[in-house]
Protein backbone atom coordinates (compact mmCIF):
# COMPACT_ATOMS: atom_id res chain seq x y z
CA UNK A 1 -1.25 16.93 -3.64
CA UNK A 2 2.52 16.32 -2.30
CA UNK A 3 3.02 13.38 0.28
CA UNK A 4 -0.47 12.30 -1.01
CA UNK A 5 1.43 8.82 -1.83
CA UNK A 6 2.96 8.65 1.74
CA UNK A 7 -0.18 9.62 3.43
CA UNK A 8 -1.93 7.06 1.36
CA UNK A 9 0.81 4.20 2.77
CA UNK A 10 0.53 5.87 6.32
CA UNK A 11 -3.31 5.71 6.70
CA UNK A 12 -4.01 1.88 6.30
CA UNK A 13 -1.50 0.57 8.54
CA UNK A 14 -2.06 3.29 10.83
CA UNK A 15 -5.84 2.60 11.31
CA UNK A 16 -5.84 -1.18 11.20
CA UNK A 17 -2.69 -1.22 13.72
CA UNK A 18 -4.71 1.10 16.16
CA UNK A 19 -7.92 -0.52 15.78
CA UNK A 20 -6.61 -3.96 16.41
CA UNK A 21 -4.46 -2.73 19.25
CA UNK A 22 -7.36 -1.28 21.13
CA UNK A 23 -9.51 -4.47 20.67
CA UNK A 24 -6.63 -6.36 21.86
CA UNK A 25 -6.08 -4.47 24.77
CA UNK A 26 -9.48 -4.50 25.65
CA UNK A 27 -10.09 -7.94 25.45
CA UNK A 28 -7.38 -8.79 27.82
CA UNK A 29 -8.22 -5.49 30.30
CA UNK A 30 -11.62 -7.00 30.65
CA UNK A 31 -12.99 -9.99 32.75
CA UNK A 32 -15.76 -11.27 30.32
CA UNK A 33 -14.23 -9.78 27.09
CA UNK A 34 -17.03 -7.19 26.91
CA UNK A 35 -17.67 -4.48 29.91
CA UNK A 36 -14.81 -2.20 30.82
CA UNK A 37 -14.56 0.47 33.32
CA UNK A 38 -13.53 3.89 31.43
CA UNK A 39 -10.39 3.96 33.10
CA UNK A 40 -9.66 0.28 31.73
CA UNK A 41 -11.04 1.74 28.02
CA UNK A 42 -8.43 4.78 28.61
CA UNK A 43 -5.77 2.60 28.90
CA UNK A 44 -6.43 0.35 25.97
CA UNK A 45 -6.38 3.43 24.29
CA UNK A 46 -3.18 4.49 25.17
CA UNK A 47 -1.56 1.07 24.23
CA UNK A 48 -3.29 0.91 21.08
CA UNK A 49 -1.92 4.94 20.11
CA UNK A 50 1.83 3.60 21.32
CA UNK A 51 1.86 0.49 19.04
CA UNK A 52 0.82 2.74 16.32
CA UNK A 53 3.19 5.41 16.43
CA UNK A 54 6.25 2.90 17.22
CA UNK A 55 5.23 1.63 13.24
CA UNK A 56 4.18 4.79 11.96
CA UNK A 57 6.63 7.64 12.75
CA UNK A 58 8.95 7.32 10.02
CA UNK A 59 6.09 7.72 7.59
CA UNK A 60 4.74 10.33 9.13
CA UNK A 61 7.97 12.07 9.28
CA UNK A 62 8.67 12.09 5.02
CA UNK A 63 4.73 13.46 4.83
CA UNK A 64 5.69 15.91 6.84
CA UNK A 65 9.11 16.58 4.85
CA UNK A 66 7.09 16.32 1.28
CA UNK A 67 4.42 18.68 2.51
CA UNK A 68 6.87 21.26 3.68
CA UNK A 69 8.86 21.16 0.61
CA UNK A 70 6.59 23.63 -1.04
CA UNK A 71 6.64 26.32 1.48
CA UNK A 72 10.53 26.41 1.77
CA UNK A 73 10.93 26.11 -2.04
CA UNK A 74 8.46 29.42 -2.27
CA UNK A 75 10.22 30.99 0.07
CA UNK A 76 13.64 30.18 -1.98
CA UNK A 77 12.15 31.42 -5.16
CA UNK A 78 10.83 34.58 -3.33
CA UNK A 79 14.60 35.79 -2.10
CA UNK A 80 15.83 35.24 -5.06
CA UNK A 81 13.78 37.36 -7.15
CA UNK A 82 14.07 39.92 -4.57
CA UNK A 83 17.41 39.50 -5.08
CA UNK A 84 17.63 39.32 -9.01
CA UNK A 85 15.56 43.28 -8.71
CA UNK A 86 18.00 44.48 -6.42
CA UNK A 87 20.97 43.63 -8.38
CA UNK A 88 22.57 46.39 -10.17
CA UNK A 89 23.87 44.36 -12.90
CA UNK A 90 20.61 42.71 -14.07
CA UNK A 91 21.58 42.23 -17.58
CA UNK A 92 24.14 39.45 -17.38
CA UNK A 93 22.52 37.53 -14.49
CA UNK A 94 22.77 33.27 -14.91
CA UNK A 95 19.47 32.16 -15.40
CA UNK A 96 18.03 30.26 -12.02
CA UNK A 97 18.56 26.49 -11.68
CA UNK A 98 15.79 24.36 -12.62
CA UNK A 99 13.93 23.02 -9.43
CA UNK A 100 13.84 19.70 -8.76
CA UNK A 101 10.98 17.96 -6.89
CA UNK A 102 11.85 16.40 -3.42
CA UNK A 103 10.73 12.63 -3.67
CA UNK A 104 10.23 10.37 -0.63
CA UNK A 105 13.42 8.42 -1.34
CA UNK A 106 15.69 11.28 -1.47
CA UNK A 107 14.61 12.50 2.09
CA UNK A 108 14.69 8.73 3.16
CA UNK A 109 18.14 8.31 1.77
CA UNK A 110 19.18 11.65 3.29
CA UNK A 111 18.13 11.04 6.80
CA UNK A 112 19.49 7.55 7.14
CA UNK A 113 23.17 8.55 5.71
CA UNK A 114 22.85 11.89 8.14
CA UNK A 115 21.37 10.67 10.79
CA UNK A 116 20.91 6.96 10.44
CA UNK A 117 17.50 5.25 11.76
CA UNK A 118 16.91 7.66 14.44
CA UNK A 119 16.71 10.36 11.72
CA UNK A 120 13.13 8.52 10.94
CA UNK A 121 12.30 8.84 14.51
CA UNK A 122 12.74 12.50 15.07
CA UNK A 123 10.03 13.90 16.78
CA UNK A 124 8.75 10.57 18.23
CA UNK A 125 8.57 12.03 21.82
CA UNK A 126 6.24 14.98 20.05
CA UNK A 127 3.96 12.31 17.96
CA UNK A 128 3.55 10.08 21.22
CA UNK A 129 2.44 13.22 23.08
CA UNK A 130 -0.41 13.38 20.15
CA UNK A 131 -1.42 10.11 19.12
CA UNK A 132 -1.58 8.43 22.64
CA UNK A 133 -3.75 11.39 24.43
CA UNK A 134 -5.71 10.81 20.98
CA UNK A 135 -6.42 7.68 21.50
CA UNK A 136 -7.02 7.91 25.16
CA UNK A 137 -10.21 10.31 24.19
CA UNK A 138 -11.39 8.15 20.95
CA UNK A 139 -11.82 4.86 21.38
CA UNK A 140 -13.78 5.28 25.16
CA UNK A 141 -15.69 7.97 23.35
CA UNK A 142 -16.62 6.11 20.38
CA UNK A 143 -17.25 3.13 22.48
CA UNK A 144 -19.89 4.57 24.51
CA UNK A 145 -21.35 6.53 21.31
CA UNK A 146 -21.89 3.46 19.63
CA UNK A 147 -23.57 1.65 22.63
CA UNK A 148 -25.85 4.31 22.52
CA UNK A 149 -27.04 2.92 18.81
CA UNK A 150 -26.95 -1.02 19.90
CA UNK A 151 -30.94 -2.08 20.74
CA UNK A 152 -29.01 -5.58 21.58
CA UNK A 153 -25.73 -5.59 24.09
CA UNK A 154 -24.77 -8.73 22.18
CA UNK A 155 -26.10 -7.37 18.50
CA UNK A 156 -24.00 -4.38 16.59
CA UNK A 157 -24.94 -1.15 16.26
CA UNK A 158 -26.36 -0.54 12.40
CA UNK A 159 -23.49 0.91 10.05
CA UNK A 160 -24.30 4.46 9.83
CA UNK A 161 -24.47 4.64 13.92
CA UNK A 162 -20.63 3.40 14.14
CA UNK A 163 -19.91 5.91 11.16
CA UNK A 164 -21.53 8.73 12.79
CA UNK A 165 -19.86 6.99 15.88
CA UNK A 166 -16.41 7.56 14.56
CA UNK A 167 -16.78 11.13 12.80
CA UNK A 168 -17.77 12.90 16.59
CA UNK A 169 -14.99 10.86 18.29
CA UNK A 170 -12.19 11.32 15.74
CA UNK A 171 -13.24 15.30 15.30
CA UNK A 172 -13.58 15.58 19.19
CA UNK A 173 -10.19 13.84 19.77
CA UNK A 174 -8.59 15.68 16.99
CA UNK A 175 -9.28 19.03 18.43
CA UNK A 176 -8.39 18.02 21.71
CA UNK A 177 -4.79 17.51 21.05
CA UNK A 178 -4.34 19.97 18.09
CA UNK A 179 -1.87 21.74 20.33
CA UNK A 180 0.30 18.61 20.17
CA UNK A 181 0.04 18.20 16.81
CA UNK A 182 1.32 21.87 16.33
CA UNK A 183 4.16 21.05 18.35
CA UNK A 184 5.01 17.73 16.75
CA UNK A 185 4.84 19.62 13.20
CA UNK A 186 7.28 22.31 14.23
CA UNK A 187 9.69 19.77 15.95
CA UNK A 188 9.67 17.25 12.68
CA UNK A 189 10.27 20.27 9.95
CA UNK A 190 13.79 19.77 8.94
CA UNK A 191 13.94 22.86 6.86
CA UNK A 192 13.57 26.03 8.05
CA UNK A 193 12.03 29.42 6.17
CA UNK A 194 13.50 32.88 6.60
CA UNK A 195 13.52 34.01 10.19
CA UNK A 196 11.96 30.95 11.50
CA UNK A 197 13.03 29.56 15.01
CA UNK A 198 15.14 26.03 15.13
CA UNK A 199 13.77 24.17 18.63
CA UNK A 200 15.90 22.23 20.75
CA UNK A 201 12.76 19.90 22.31
CA UNK A 202 8.92 20.00 23.15
CA UNK A 203 9.66 22.28 26.23
CA UNK A 204 11.27 25.17 23.89
CA UNK A 205 9.16 24.56 21.14
CA UNK A 206 5.64 25.15 23.41
CA UNK A 207 7.53 28.14 25.12
CA UNK A 208 8.60 29.78 21.68
CA UNK A 209 5.31 29.52 19.85
CA UNK A 210 3.27 30.75 23.52
CA UNK A 211 5.60 33.93 23.41
CA UNK A 212 5.80 34.53 19.69
CA UNK A 213 2.70 33.57 18.26
CA UNK A 214 0.31 33.32 20.95
CA UNK A 215 -1.39 30.96 22.67
CA UNK A 216 -4.43 30.67 19.76
CA UNK A 217 -1.16 29.25 17.51
CA UNK A 218 -1.55 26.15 19.01
CA UNK A 219 -5.12 25.72 17.60
CA UNK A 220 -4.06 26.34 13.96
CA UNK A 221 -5.44 23.98 11.66
CA UNK A 222 -7.94 22.31 14.28
CA UNK A 223 -10.73 22.91 12.15
CA UNK A 224 -9.27 21.36 8.93
CA UNK A 225 -7.82 18.78 11.18
CA UNK A 226 -11.39 17.75 12.41
CA UNK A 227 -12.71 18.04 8.88
CA UNK A 228 -10.22 15.54 8.03
CA UNK A 229 -10.07 13.37 11.06
CA UNK A 230 -14.17 12.49 11.20
CA UNK A 231 -14.71 10.92 7.83
CA UNK A 232 -11.41 9.23 8.11
CA UNK A 233 -12.09 7.41 11.49
CA UNK A 234 -16.15 7.02 10.79
CA UNK A 235 -15.37 5.04 7.38
CA UNK A 236 -12.75 3.19 9.13
CA UNK A 237 -15.11 2.16 11.61
CA UNK A 238 -17.57 0.94 9.65
CA UNK A 239 -14.97 -0.97 7.42
CA UNK A 240 -14.02 -2.51 10.87
CA UNK A 241 -17.09 -3.20 12.17
CA UNK A 242 -19.14 -4.41 9.53
CA UNK A 243 -15.99 -7.10 9.08
CA UNK A 244 -15.03 -6.49 5.74
CA UNK A 245 -11.70 -7.85 6.24
CA UNK A 246 -12.95 -11.01 7.48
CA UNK A 247 -15.79 -11.16 4.40
CA UNK A 248 -12.60 -11.23 1.97
CA UNK A 249 -10.16 -13.67 4.27
CA UNK A 250 -13.25 -16.30 3.76
CA UNK A 251 -13.01 -15.69 0.33
CA UNK A 252 -9.16 -17.04 0.10
CA UNK A 253 -9.02 -20.75 -1.13
CA UNK A 254 -8.83 -22.99 2.37
CA UNK A 255 -5.95 -25.58 2.47
CA UNK A 256 -7.29 -28.77 2.54
CA UNK A 257 -6.31 -30.91 5.70
């Protein structure tokens, strides 16, 4: 579970910002606060995705580095073992150093020391390229699927309808933007394995992946990503639409006038 703590810290504000921002933009883009054209729904989703990316990109960056550390460490260990086997004087060889586990704090300090705040926003363009289209697809699709379960436009859909709508819309949007997710992950990986390419930007990354790995490389992880995103957004939408946050806030003691 490398990066689990950072991922947990990332998911909560990411979903909260995205859902709240979408409602904010939907309200201001509609004439009566309810009805929206498809174009305006997409614009609201675009605004929500942009707000979320600006806040959560540093945590996404740290999560990728922690999840990528295991792969890099495994490659280094394999290279060390091969070098030891090929060495002619294996008897007097020194014992390998004990591997230390990389932490989010270490990565943050190193990025701030070497590249400043901009280091935490490495791959911002690719993140926008993924999350903004995701929100443009997800929110209109969810809203229209959720409406199918409403018997009355003024009454909320049952919780299971919101859950299923979130699952279907989330998995559909996740697969649709998976090529952007592949590019974003490659650009945000600070450490490279043996014989791995380095990329100067989005276009360079896209070109090299297409030429060396083929078009199907852009769909790597799409199935797993859909399995993760579906319940994640399904649960988030249920929590949001049932109004659990409002219920908890009402339980807090109120100040007397």
